[in-house]
Amino acid sequence: MASVDECRQALRDLAARLDHNAETVRERIDLDRTLACRVTDLGAAFHGRLADGRLLDLTDGDDPKAKIALSTSSDDLLALVRGELDVTRAVASKRVSIKANPFDLLKLRKLL
């Protein structure tokens, strides 16, 4: 099981990667939504905002009103961020749960 600090760092790494690719993605994806990431086995959560192809304002704590909510275990979160776990397969196998508007899911898929 990964630690809260490792999960926080993985999300920061994801934010940095998205930031690096934001210029190319921004023109293709019009997405400005709040995001919550719930780490089920640690009882921890993080939240932020997806805007212009970037993950912004990432902080500890849950956002129950988030428009996009991802729930997964700590190890699966790290594997997703590292690219070791395919998000489509993870959702299909119920290792990851994503709650969002169907149109947002399509945009999010392009982003990841």
PDB file of N, CA and C in Angstrom:
ATOM      1  N   MET A   1       0.849  -1.177   0.000  1.00  0.00           N
ATOM      2  CA  MET A   1       0.000   0.000   0.000  1.00  0.00           C
ATOM      3  C   MET A   1       0.897   1.243   0.000  1.00  0.00           C
ATOM      4  N   ALA A   2       0.589   2.148  -0.909  1.00  0.00           N
ATOM      5  CA  ALA A   2       1.329   3.408  -1.000  1.00  0.00           C
ATOM      6  C   ALA A   2       0.888   4.342   0.127  1.00  0.00           C
ATOM      7  N   SER A   3       1.723   5.305   0.440  1.00  0.00           N
ATOM      8  CA  SER A   3       1.413   6.263   1.501  1.00  0.00           C
ATOM      9  C   SER A   3       0.657   7.472   0.934  1.00  0.00           C
ATOM     10  N   VAL A   4       0.114   8.272   1.825  1.00  0.00           N
ATOM     11  CA  VAL A   4      -0.552   9.509   1.424  1.00  0.00           C
ATOM     12  C   VAL A   4       0.433  10.426   0.708  1.00  0.00           C
ATOM     13  N   ASP A   5       1.658  10.502   1.221  1.00  0.00           N
ATOM     14  CA  ASP A   5       2.679  11.346   0.585  1.00  0.00           C
ATOM     15  C   ASP A   5       2.998  10.876  -0.834  1.00  0.00           C
ATOM     16  N   GLU A   6       3.067   9.570  -1.034  1.00  0.00           N
ATOM     17  CA  GLU A   6       3.324   9.038  -2.377  1.00  0.00           C
ATOM     18  C   GLU A   6       2.169   9.355  -3.324  1.00  0.00           C
ATOM     19  N   CYS A   7       0.949   9.277  -2.837  1.00  0.00           N
ATOM     20  CA  CYS A   7      -0.218   9.618  -3.656  1.00  0.00           C
ATOM     21  C   CYS A   7      -0.216  11.105  -4.000  1.00  0.00           C
ATOM     22  N   ARG A   8       0.082  11.938  -3.021  1.00  0.00           N
ATOM     23  CA  ARG A   8       0.158  13.384  -3.247  1.00  0.00           C
ATOM     24  C   ARG A   8       1.213  13.697  -4.308  1.00  0.00           C
ATOM     25  N   GLN A   9       2.376  13.046  -4.189  1.00  0.00           N
ATOM     26  CA  GLN A   9       3.452  13.279  -5.154  1.00  0.00           C
ATOM     27  C   GLN A   9       3.065  12.774  -6.544  1.00  0.00           C
ATOM     28  N   ALA A  10       2.372  11.662  -6.615  1.00  0.00           N
ATOM     29  CA  ALA A  10       1.928  11.140  -7.917  1.00  0.00           C
ATOM     30  C   ALA A  10       0.990  12.133  -8.592  1.00  0.00           C
ATOM     31  N   LEU A  11       0.094  12.734  -7.836  1.00  0.00           N
ATOM     32  CA  LEU A  11      -0.818  13.730  -8.409  1.00  0.00           C
ATOM     33  C   LEU A  11      -0.058  14.987  -8.823  1.00  0.00           C
ATOM     34  N   ARG A  12       0.958  15.361  -8.067  1.00  0.00           N
ATOM     35  CA  ARG A  12       1.798  16.504  -8.466  1.00  0.00           C
ATOM     36  C   ARG A  12       2.558  16.185  -9.752  1.00  0.00           C
ATOM     37  N   ASP A  13       3.032  14.945  -9.875  1.00  0.00           N
ATOM     38  CA  ASP A  13       3.708  14.521 -11.097  1.00  0.00           C
ATOM     39  C   ASP A  13       2.758  14.569 -12.288  1.00  0.00           C
ATOM     40  N   LEU A  14       1.516  14.121 -12.060  1.00  0.00           N
ATOM     41  CA  LEU A  14       0.501  14.191 -13.114  1.00  0.00           C
ATOM     42  C   LEU A  14       0.237  15.639 -13.503  1.00  0.00           C
ATOM     43  N   ALA A  15       0.134  16.507 -12.518  1.00  0.00           N
ATOM     44  CA  ALA A  15      -0.103  17.930 -12.792  1.00  0.00           C
ATOM     45  C   ALA A  15       1.046  18.508 -13.616  1.00  0.00           C
ATOM     46  N   ALA A  16       2.267  18.131 -13.295  1.00  0.00           N
ATOM     47  CA  ALA A  16       3.426  18.625 -14.049  1.00  0.00           C
ATOM     48  C   ALA A  16       3.403  18.114 -15.485  1.00  0.00           C
ATOM     49  N   ARG A  17       3.044  16.860 -15.669  1.00  0.00           N
ATOM     50  CA  ARG A  17       2.960  16.283 -17.012  1.00  0.00           C
ATOM     51  C   ARG A  17       1.865  16.958 -17.832  1.00  0.00           C
ATOM     52  N   LEU A  18       0.720  17.196 -17.212  1.00  0.00           N
ATOM     53  CA  LEU A  18      -0.372  17.884 -17.903  1.00  0.00           C
ATOM     54  C   LEU A  18       0.031  19.310 -18.249  1.00  0.00           C
ATOM     55  N   ASP A  19       0.727  19.949 -17.336  1.00  0.00           N
ATOM     56  CA  ASP A  19       1.181  21.315 -17.579  1.00  0.00           C
ATOM     57  C   ASP A  19       2.130  21.370 -18.777  1.00  0.00           C
ATOM     58  N   HIS A  20       2.997  20.387 -18.872  1.00  0.00           N
ATOM     59  CA  HIS A  20       3.949  20.313 -19.978  1.00  0.00           C
ATOM     60  C   HIS A  20       3.235  20.142 -21.330  1.00  0.00           C
ATOM     61  N   ASN A  21       2.105  19.418 -21.319  1.00  0.00           N
ATOM     62  CA  ASN A  21       1.362  19.140 -22.557  1.00  0.00           C
ATOM     63  C   ASN A  21       0.193  20.091 -22.784  1.00  0.00           C
ATOM     64  N   ALA A  22       0.000  21.048 -21.917  1.00  0.00           N
ATOM     65  CA  ALA A  22      -1.197  21.898 -21.951  1.00  0.00           C
ATOM     66  C   ALA A  22      -1.354  22.673 -23.251  1.00  0.00           C
ATOM     67  N   GLU A  23      -0.276  23.152 -23.805  1.00  0.00           N
ATOM     68  CA  GLU A  23      -0.378  23.957 -25.029  1.00  0.00           C
ATOM     69  C   GLU A  23      -0.988  23.165 -26.177  1.00  0.00           C
ATOM     70  N   THR A  24      -0.613  21.907 -26.325  1.00  0.00           N
ATOM     71  CA  THR A  24      -1.148  21.103 -27.415  1.00  0.00           C
ATOM     72  C   THR A  24      -2.557  20.610 -27.127  1.00  0.00           C
ATOM     73  N   VAL A  25      -2.877  20.409 -25.872  1.00  0.00           N
ATOM     74  CA  VAL A  25      -4.185  19.871 -25.498  1.00  0.00           C
ATOM     75  C   VAL A  25      -5.251  20.957 -25.421  1.00  0.00           C
ATOM     76  N   ARG A  26      -4.863  22.148 -25.018  1.00  0.00           N
ATOM     77  CA  ARG A  26      -5.807  23.228 -24.756  1.00  0.00           C
ATOM     78  C   ARG A  26      -6.749  23.485 -25.935  1.00  0.00           C
ATOM     79  N   GLU A  27      -6.220  23.448 -27.145  1.00  0.00           N
ATOM     80  CA  GLU A  27      -7.027  23.743 -28.326  1.00  0.00           C
ATOM     81  C   GLU A  27      -8.025  22.633 -28.627  1.00  0.00           C
ATOM     82  N   ARG A  28      -7.726  21.412 -28.187  1.00  0.00           N
ATOM     83  CA  ARG A  28      -8.599  20.281 -28.491  1.00  0.00           C
ATOM     84  C   ARG A  28      -9.619  19.998 -27.400  1.00  0.00           C
ATOM     85  N   ILE A  29      -9.353  20.427 -26.187  1.00  0.00           N
ATOM     86  CA  ILE A  29     -10.221  20.058 -25.068  1.00  0.00           C
ATOM     87  C   ILE A  29     -10.696  21.298 -24.324  1.00  0.00           C
ATOM     88  N   ASP A  30     -11.986  21.488 -24.310  1.00  0.00           N
ATOM     89  CA  ASP A  30     -12.601  22.581 -23.569  1.00  0.00           C
ATOM     90  C   ASP A  30     -13.188  21.984 -22.293  1.00  0.00           C
ATOM     91  N   LEU A  31     -12.399  21.967 -21.234  1.00  0.00           N
ATOM     92  CA  LEU A  31     -12.815  21.324 -19.994  1.00  0.00           C
ATOM     93  C   LEU A  31     -12.358  22.179 -18.822  1.00  0.00           C
ATOM     94  N   ASP A  32     -13.303  22.623 -18.027  1.00  0.00           N
ATOM     95  CA  ASP A  32     -13.016  23.376 -16.808  1.00  0.00           C
ATOM     96  C   ASP A  32     -13.939  22.817 -15.729  1.00  0.00           C
ATOM     97  N   ARG A  33     -13.404  21.893 -14.944  1.00  0.00           N
ATOM     98  CA  ARG A  33     -14.219  21.197 -13.949  1.00  0.00           C
ATOM     99  C   ARG A  33     -13.433  20.998 -12.666  1.00  0.00           C
ATOM    100  N   THR A  34     -14.160  20.950 -11.560  1.00  0.00           N
ATOM    101  CA  THR A  34     -13.552  20.577 -10.286  1.00  0.00           C
ATOM    102  C   THR A  34     -13.347  19.067 -10.287  1.00  0.00           C
ATOM    103  N   LEU A  35     -12.308  18.637  -9.586  1.00  0.00           N
ATOM    104  CA  LEU A  35     -11.926  17.230  -9.569  1.00  0.00           C
ATOM    105  C   LEU A  35     -11.634  16.801  -8.142  1.00  0.00           C
ATOM    106  N   ALA A  36     -12.124  15.636  -7.777  1.00  0.00           N
ATOM    107  CA  ALA A  36     -11.788  15.024  -6.487  1.00  0.00           C
ATOM    108  C   ALA A  36     -11.185  13.658  -6.758  1.00  0.00           C
ATOM    109  N   CYS A  37     -10.127  13.343  -6.043  1.00  0.00           N
ATOM    110  CA  CYS A  37      -9.479  12.034  -6.134  1.00  0.00           C
ATOM    111  C   CYS A  37      -9.534  11.414  -4.747  1.00  0.00           C
ATOM    112  N   ARG A  38     -10.276  10.335  -4.627  1.00  0.00           N
ATOM    113  CA  ARG A  38     -10.461   9.670  -3.336  1.00  0.00           C
ATOM    114  C   ARG A  38      -9.650   8.377  -3.315  1.00  0.00           C
ATOM    115  N   VAL A  39      -8.780   8.261  -2.331  1.00  0.00           N
ATOM    116  CA  VAL A  39      -7.905   7.096  -2.197  1.00  0.00           C
ATOM    117  C   VAL A  39      -8.534   6.202  -1.138  1.00  0.00           C
ATOM    118  N   THR A  40      -9.196   5.170  -1.608  1.00  0.00           N
ATOM    119  CA  THR A  40     -10.084   4.379  -0.758  1.00  0.00           C
ATOM    120  C   THR A  40      -9.386   3.638   0.376  1.00  0.00           C
ATOM    121  N   ASP A  41      -8.218   3.061   0.110  1.00  0.00           N
ATOM    122  CA  ASP A  41      -7.570   2.262   1.158  1.00  0.00           C
ATOM    123  C   ASP A  41      -6.867   3.109   2.218  1.00  0.00           C
ATOM    124  N   LEU A  42      -6.663   4.379   1.941  1.00  0.00           N
ATOM    125  CA  LEU A  42      -6.018   5.266   2.914  1.00  0.00           C
ATOM    126  C   LEU A  42      -7.015   6.196   3.609  1.00  0.00           C
ATOM    127  N   GLY A  43      -8.231   6.243   3.102  1.00  0.00           N
ATOM    128  CA  GLY A  43      -9.199   7.183   3.649  1.00  0.00           C
ATOM    129  C   GLY A  43      -8.784   8.627   3.409  1.00  0.00           C
ATOM    130  N   ALA A  44      -8.034   8.847   2.351  1.00  0.00           N
ATOM    131  CA  ALA A  44      -7.527  10.187   2.022  1.00  0.00           C
ATOM    132  C   ALA A  44      -8.183  10.683   0.739  1.00  0.00           C
ATOM    133  N   ALA A  45      -8.100  11.982   0.527  1.00  0.00           N
ATOM    134  CA  ALA A  45      -8.649  12.571  -0.692  1.00  0.00           C
ATOM    135  C   ALA A  45      -7.853  13.826  -1.042  1.00  0.00           C
ATOM    136  N   PHE A  46      -7.925  14.162  -2.309  1.00  0.00           N
ATOM    137  CA  PHE A  46      -7.289  15.364  -2.842  1.00  0.00           C
ATOM    138  C   PHE A  46      -8.285  16.002  -3.792  1.00  0.00           C
ATOM    139  N   HIS A  47      -8.159  17.296  -3.971  1.00  0.00           N
ATOM    140  CA  HIS A  47      -9.036  17.941  -4.943  1.00  0.00           C
ATOM    141  C   HIS A  47      -8.310  19.086  -5.623  1.00  0.00           C
ATOM    142  N   GLY A  48      -8.840  19.436  -6.775  1.00  0.00           N
ATOM    143  CA  GLY A  48      -8.268  20.511  -7.567  1.00  0.00           C
ATOM    144  C   GLY A  48      -9.227  20.867  -8.681  1.00  0.00           C
ATOM    145  N   ARG A  49      -8.670  21.425  -9.745  1.00  0.00           N
ATOM    146  CA  ARG A  49      -9.493  21.857 -10.868  1.00  0.00           C
ATOM    147  C   ARG A  49      -8.756  21.536 -12.161  1.00  0.00           C
ATOM    148  N   LEU A  50      -9.483  20.967 -13.110  1.00  0.00           N
ATOM    149  CA  LEU A  50      -8.960  20.750 -14.452  1.00  0.00           C
ATOM    150  C   LEU A  50      -9.396  21.928 -15.300  1.00  0.00           C
ATOM    151  N   ALA A  51      -8.429  22.628 -15.889  1.00  0.00           N
ATOM    152  CA  ALA A  51      -8.748  23.779 -16.738  1.00  0.00           C
ATOM    153  C   ALA A  51      -7.634  23.973 -17.755  1.00  0.00           C
ATOM    154  N   ASP A  52      -8.019  24.208 -18.990  1.00  0.00           N
ATOM    155  CA  ASP A  52      -7.041  24.463 -20.059  1.00  0.00           C
ATOM    156  C   ASP A  52      -5.989  23.368 -20.161  1.00  0.00           C
ATOM    157  N   GLY A  53      -6.398  22.118 -19.931  1.00  0.00           N
ATOM    158  CA  GLY A  53      -5.465  21.007 -20.035  1.00  0.00           C
ATOM    159  C   GLY A  53      -4.523  20.872 -18.858  1.00  0.00           C
ATOM    160  N   ARG A  54      -4.778  21.602 -17.789  1.00  0.00           N
ATOM    161  CA  ARG A  54      -3.913  21.577 -16.610  1.00  0.00           C
ATOM    162  C   ARG A  54      -4.689  21.105 -15.381  1.00  0.00           C
ATOM    163  N   LEU A  55      -3.958  20.578 -14.423  1.00  0.00           N
ATOM    164  CA  LEU A  55      -4.503  20.242 -13.110  1.00  0.00           C
ATOM    165  C   LEU A  55      -4.012  21.317 -12.159  1.00  0.00           C
ATOM    166  N   LEU A  56      -4.931  22.149 -11.688  1.00  0.00           N
ATOM    167  CA  LEU A  56      -4.594  23.332 -10.904  1.00  0.00           C
ATOM    168  C   LEU A  56      -5.105  23.227  -9.472  1.00  0.00           C
ATOM    169  N   ASP A  57      -4.510  24.019  -8.602  1.00  0.00           N
ATOM    170  CA  ASP A  57      -4.979  24.188  -7.223  1.00  0.00           C
ATOM    171  C   ASP A  57      -5.129  22.858  -6.490  1.00  0.00           C
ATOM    172  N   LEU A  58      -4.201  21.942  -6.712  1.00  0.00           N
ATOM    173  CA  LEU A  58      -4.246  20.627  -6.081  1.00  0.00           C
ATOM    174  C   LEU A  58      -3.957  20.764  -4.593  1.00  0.00           C
ATOM    175  N   THR A  59      -4.863  20.224  -3.780  1.00  0.00           N
ATOM    176  CA  THR A  59      -4.707  20.320  -2.332  1.00  0.00           C
ATOM    177  C   THR A  59      -5.303  19.092  -1.652  1.00  0.00           C
ATOM    178  N   ASP A  60      -4.961  18.899  -0.399  1.00  0.00           N
ATOM    179  CA  ASP A  60      -5.501  17.785   0.372  1.00  0.00           C
ATOM    180  C   ASP A  60      -6.971  18.033   0.702  1.00  0.00           C
ATOM    181  N   GLY A  61      -7.708  16.943   0.882  1.00  0.00           N
ATOM    182  CA  GLY A  61      -9.104  17.017   1.284  1.00  0.00           C
ATOM    183  C   GLY A  61     -10.049  16.710   0.139  1.00  0.00           C
ATOM    184  N   ASP A  62     -11.237  16.349   0.496  1.00  0.00           N
ATOM    185  CA  ASP A  62     -12.258  15.982  -0.484  1.00  0.00           C
ATOM    186  C   ASP A  62     -13.048  17.208  -0.913  1.00  0.00           C
ATOM    187  N   ASP A  63     -13.670  17.114  -2.059  1.00  0.00           N
ATOM    188  CA  ASP A  63     -14.625  18.113  -2.533  1.00  0.00           C
ATOM    189  C   ASP A  63     -15.882  17.354  -2.929  1.00  0.00           C
ATOM    190  N   PRO A  64     -16.842  17.246  -2.013  1.00  0.00           N
ATOM    191  CA  PRO A  64     -18.048  16.467  -2.308  1.00  0.00           C
ATOM    192  C   PRO A  64     -18.861  17.014  -3.478  1.00  0.00           C
ATOM    193  N   LYS A  65     -18.635  18.259  -3.861  1.00  0.00           N
ATOM    194  CA  LYS A  65     -19.366  18.854  -4.974  1.00  0.00           C
ATOM    195  C   LYS A  65     -18.581  18.799  -6.295  1.00  0.00           C
ATOM    196  N   ALA A  66     -17.460  18.107  -6.310  1.00  0.00           N
ATOM    197  CA  ALA A  66     -16.631  18.036  -7.511  1.00  0.00           C
ATOM    198  C   ALA A  66     -17.426  17.465  -8.679  1.00  0.00           C
ATOM    199  N   LYS A  67     -17.224  18.039  -9.842  1.00  0.00           N
ATOM    200  CA  LYS A  67     -17.927  17.591 -11.050  1.00  0.00           C
ATOM    201  C   LYS A  67     -17.370  16.269 -11.568  1.00  0.00           C
ATOM    202  N   ILE A  68     -16.091  16.004 -11.275  1.00  0.00           N
ATOM    203  CA  ILE A  68     -15.457  14.742 -11.644  1.00  0.00           C
ATOM    204  C   ILE A  68     -14.870  14.139 -10.371  1.00  0.00           C
ATOM    205  N   ALA A  69     -15.228  12.890 -10.091  1.00  0.00           N
ATOM    206  CA  ALA A  69     -14.733  12.215  -8.889  1.00  0.00           C
ATOM    207  C   ALA A  69     -14.123  10.869  -9.264  1.00  0.00           C
ATOM    208  N   LEU A  70     -12.864  10.703  -8.910  1.00  0.00           N
ATOM    209  CA  LEU A  70     -12.147   9.461  -9.162  1.00  0.00           C
ATOM    210  C   LEU A  70     -11.905   8.787  -7.822  1.00  0.00           C
ATOM    211  N   SER A  71     -12.218   7.496  -7.739  1.00  0.00           N
ATOM    212  CA  SER A  71     -11.963   6.717  -6.525  1.00  0.00           C
ATOM    213  C   SER A  71     -11.158   5.483  -6.895  1.00  0.00           C
ATOM    214  N   THR A  72     -10.089   5.235  -6.141  1.00  0.00           N
ATOM    215  CA  THR A  72      -9.237   4.078  -6.393  1.00  0.00           C
ATOM    216  C   THR A  72      -8.353   3.814  -5.181  1.00  0.00           C
ATOM    217  N   SER A  73      -7.642   2.712  -5.214  1.00  0.00           N
ATOM    218  CA  SER A  73      -6.691   2.415  -4.139  1.00  0.00           C
ATOM    219  C   SER A  73      -5.405   3.198  -4.378  1.00  0.00           C
ATOM    220  N   SER A  74      -4.591   3.284  -3.355  1.00  0.00           N
ATOM    221  CA  SER A  74      -3.338   4.027  -3.460  1.00  0.00           C
ATOM    222  C   SER A  74      -2.403   3.407  -4.503  1.00  0.00           C
ATOM    223  N   ASP A  75      -2.280   2.093  -4.503  1.00  0.00           N
ATOM    224  CA  ASP A  75      -1.395   1.437  -5.469  1.00  0.00           C
ATOM    225  C   ASP A  75      -1.896   1.628  -6.900  1.00  0.00           C
ATOM    226  N   ASP A  76      -3.197   1.563  -7.101  1.00  0.00           N
ATOM    227  CA  ASP A  76      -3.743   1.756  -8.444  1.00  0.00           C
ATOM    228  C   ASP A  76      -3.593   3.206  -8.898  1.00  0.00           C
ATOM    229  N   LEU A  77      -3.693   4.147  -7.982  1.00  0.00           N
ATOM    230  CA  LEU A  77      -3.474   5.545  -8.342  1.00  0.00           C
ATOM    231  C   LEU A  77      -2.052   5.747  -8.850  1.00  0.00           C
ATOM    232  N   LEU A  78      -1.084   5.209  -8.131  1.00  0.00           N
ATOM    233  CA  LEU A  78       0.305   5.327  -8.576  1.00  0.00           C
ATOM    234  C   LEU A  78       0.522   4.648  -9.919  1.00  0.00           C
ATOM    235  N   ALA A  79      -0.069   3.473 -10.109  1.00  0.00           N
ATOM    236  CA  ALA A  79       0.072   2.762 -11.382  1.00  0.00           C
ATOM    237  C   ALA A  79      -0.569   3.540 -12.530  1.00  0.00           C
ATOM    238  N   LEU A  80      -1.712   4.177 -12.280  1.00  0.00           N
ATOM    239  CA  LEU A  80      -2.357   5.001 -13.306  1.00  0.00           C
ATOM    240  C   LEU A  80      -1.465   6.158 -13.717  1.00  0.00           C
ATOM    241  N   VAL A  81      -0.943   6.861 -12.743  1.00  0.00           N
ATOM    242  CA  VAL A  81      -0.122   8.031 -13.026  1.00  0.00           C
ATOM    243  C   VAL A  81       1.170   7.638 -13.740  1.00  0.00           C
ATOM    244  N   ARG A  82       1.727   6.512 -13.384  1.00  0.00           N
ATOM    245  CA  ARG A  82       2.966   6.041 -14.019  1.00  0.00           C
ATOM    246  C   ARG A  82       2.728   5.475 -15.418  1.00  0.00           C
ATOM    247  N   GLY A  83       1.461   5.249 -15.764  1.00  0.00           N
ATOM    248  CA  GLY A  83       1.148   4.662 -17.064  1.00  0.00           C
ATOM    249  C   GLY A  83       1.217   3.149 -17.067  1.00  0.00           C
ATOM    250  N   GLU A  84       1.285   2.547 -15.902  1.00  0.00           N
ATOM    251  CA  GLU A  84       1.368   1.095 -15.784  1.00  0.00           C
ATOM    252  C   GLU A  84      -0.013   0.440 -15.773  1.00  0.00           C
ATOM    253  N   LEU A  85      -1.052   1.227 -15.580  1.00  0.00           N
ATOM    254  CA  LEU A  85      -2.424   0.732 -15.529  1.00  0.00           C
ATOM    255  C   LEU A  85      -3.260   1.546 -16.505  1.00  0.00           C
ATOM    256  N   ASP A  86      -3.867   0.870 -17.459  1.00  0.00           N
ATOM    257  CA  ASP A  86      -4.714   1.525 -18.445  1.00  0.00           C
ATOM    258  C   ASP A  86      -6.025   1.940 -17.788  1.00  0.00           C
ATOM    259  N   VAL A  87      -6.389   3.205 -17.934  1.00  0.00           N
ATOM    260  CA  VAL A  87      -7.573   3.724 -17.251  1.00  0.00           C
ATOM    261  C   VAL A  87      -8.856   3.033 -17.724  1.00  0.00           C
ATOM    262  N   THR A  88      -8.968   2.730 -19.003  1.00  0.00           N
ATOM    263  CA  THR A  88     -10.172   2.065 -19.512  1.00  0.00           C
ATOM    264  C   THR A  88     -10.319   0.674 -18.911  1.00  0.00           C
ATOM    265  N   ARG A  89      -9.236  -0.070 -18.882  1.00  0.00           N
ATOM    266  CA  ARG A  89      -9.275  -1.413 -18.277  1.00  0.00           C
ATOM    267  C   ARG A  89      -9.512  -1.346 -16.778  1.00  0.00           C
ATOM    268  N   ALA A  90      -8.922  -0.347 -16.136  1.00  0.00           N
ATOM    269  CA  ALA A  90      -9.095  -0.199 -14.693  1.00  0.00           C
ATOM    270  C   ALA A  90     -10.547   0.090 -14.339  1.00  0.00           C
ATOM    271  N   VAL A  91     -11.197   0.916 -15.135  1.00  0.00           N
ATOM    272  CA  VAL A  91     -12.620   1.210 -14.902  1.00  0.00           C
ATOM    273  C   VAL A  91     -13.457  -0.034 -15.175  1.00  0.00           C
ATOM    274  N   ALA A  92     -13.160  -0.732 -16.271  1.00  0.00           N
ATOM    275  CA  ALA A  92     -13.914  -1.940 -16.628  1.00  0.00           C
ATOM    276  C   ALA A  92     -13.794  -3.021 -15.564  1.00  0.00           C
ATOM    277  N   SER A  93     -12.620  -3.118 -14.944  1.00  0.00           N
ATOM    278  CA  SER A  93     -12.405  -4.140 -13.909  1.00  0.00           C
ATOM    279  C   SER A  93     -12.786  -3.639 -12.509  1.00  0.00           C
ATOM    280  N   LYS A  94     -13.298  -2.418 -12.442  1.00  0.00           N
ATOM    281  CA  LYS A  94     -13.755  -1.793 -11.193  1.00  0.00           C
ATOM    282  C   LYS A  94     -12.629  -1.522 -10.200  1.00  0.00           C
ATOM    283  N   ARG A  95     -11.408  -1.395 -10.711  1.00  0.00           N
ATOM    284  CA  ARG A  95     -10.287  -0.987  -9.859  1.00  0.00           C
ATOM    285  C   ARG A  95     -10.299   0.525  -9.682  1.00  0.00           C
ATOM    286  N   VAL A  96     -10.940   1.191 -10.620  1.00  0.00           N
ATOM    287  CA  VAL A  96     -11.085   2.646 -10.584  1.00  0.00           C
ATOM    288  C   VAL A  96     -12.535   2.986 -10.870  1.00  0.00           C
ATOM    289  N   SER A  97     -13.046   3.944 -10.135  1.00  0.00           N
ATOM    290  CA  SER A  97     -14.398   4.440 -10.363  1.00  0.00           C
ATOM    291  C   SER A  97     -14.300   5.928 -10.703  1.00  0.00           C
ATOM    292  N   ILE A  98     -14.933   6.312 -11.807  1.00  0.00           N
ATOM    293  CA  ILE A  98     -14.960   7.718 -12.194  1.00  0.00           C
ATOM    294  C   ILE A  98     -16.414   8.133 -12.354  1.00  0.00           C
ATOM    295  N   LYS A  99     -16.807   9.133 -11.582  1.00  0.00           N
ATOM    296  CA  LYS A  99     -18.161   9.682 -11.682  1.00  0.00           C
ATOM    297  C   LYS A  99     -18.070  11.046 -12.329  1.00  0.00           C
ATOM    298  N   ALA A 100     -18.731  11.162 -13.473  1.00  0.00           N
ATOM    299  CA  ALA A 100     -18.697  12.420 -14.212  1.00  0.00           C
ATOM    300  C   ALA A 100     -19.791  12.397 -15.268  1.00  0.00           C
ATOM    301  N   ASN A 101     -20.082  13.551 -15.780  1.00  0.00           N
ATOM    302  CA  ASN A 101     -20.979  13.690 -16.912  1.00  0.00           C
ATOM    303  C   ASN A 101     -20.374  12.898 -18.074  1.00  0.00           C
ATOM    304  N   PRO A 102     -21.179  12.167 -18.862  1.00  0.00           N
ATOM    305  CA  PRO A 102     -20.630  11.381 -19.975  1.00  0.00           C
ATOM    306  C   PRO A 102     -19.794  12.217 -20.956  1.00  0.00           C
ATOM    307  N   PHE A 103     -20.191  13.446 -21.215  1.00  0.00           N
ATOM    308  CA  PHE A 103     -19.428  14.297 -22.123  1.00  0.00           C
ATOM    309  C   PHE A 103     -18.071  14.673 -21.513  1.00  0.00           C
ATOM    310  N   ASP A 104     -18.064  14.875 -20.195  1.00  0.00           N
ATOM    311  CA  ASP A 104     -16.798  15.165 -19.507  1.00  0.00           C
ATOM    312  C   ASP A 104     -15.869  13.952 -19.555  1.00  0.00           C
ATOM    313  N   LEU A 105     -16.447  12.750 -19.450  1.00  0.00           N
ATOM    314  CA  LEU A 105     -15.633  11.540 -19.526  1.00  0.00           C
ATOM    315  C   LEU A 105     -14.924  11.435 -20.874  1.00  0.00           C
ATOM    316  N   LEU A 106     -15.620  11.774 -21.938  1.00  0.00           N
ATOM    317  CA  LEU A 106     -15.003  11.740 -23.261  1.00  0.00           C
ATOM    318  C   LEU A 106     -13.849  12.733 -23.356  1.00  0.00           C
ATOM    319  N   LYS A 107     -14.048  13.921 -22.823  1.00  0.00           N
ATOM    320  CA  LYS A 107     -12.991  14.934 -22.839  1.00  0.00           C
ATOM    321  C   LYS A 107     -11.822  14.514 -21.949  1.00  0.00           C
ATOM    322  N   LEU A 108     -12.144  13.950 -20.798  1.00  0.00           N
ATOM    323  CA  LEU A 108     -11.119  13.519 -19.858  1.00  0.00           C
ATOM    324  C   LEU A 108     -10.265  12.416 -20.468  1.00  0.00           C
ATOM    325  N   ARG A 109     -10.892  11.531 -21.222  1.00  0.00           N
ATOM    326  CA  ARG A 109     -10.156  10.449 -21.863  1.00  0.00           C
ATOM    327  C   ARG A 109      -9.103  11.007 -22.837  1.00  0.00           C
ATOM    328  N   LYS A 110      -9.455  12.057 -23.556  1.00  0.00           N
ATOM    329  CA  LYS A 110      -8.509  12.696 -24.477  1.00  0.00           C
ATOM    330  C   LYS A 110      -7.361  13.338 -23.715  1.00  0.00           C
ATOM    331  N   LEU A 111      -7.667  13.833 -22.543  1.00  0.00           N
ATOM    332  CA  LEU A 111      -6.657  14.509 -21.736  1.00  0.00           C
ATOM    333  C   LEU A 111      -5.630  13.529 -21.186  1.00  0.00           C
ATOM    334  N   LEU A 112      -6.101  12.364 -20.786  1.00  0.00           N
ATOM    335  CA  LEU A 112      -5.206  11.363 -20.201  1.00  0.00           C
ATOM    336  C   LEU A 112      -4.562  10.546 -21.289  1.00  0.00           C
TER     337      LEU A 112
END
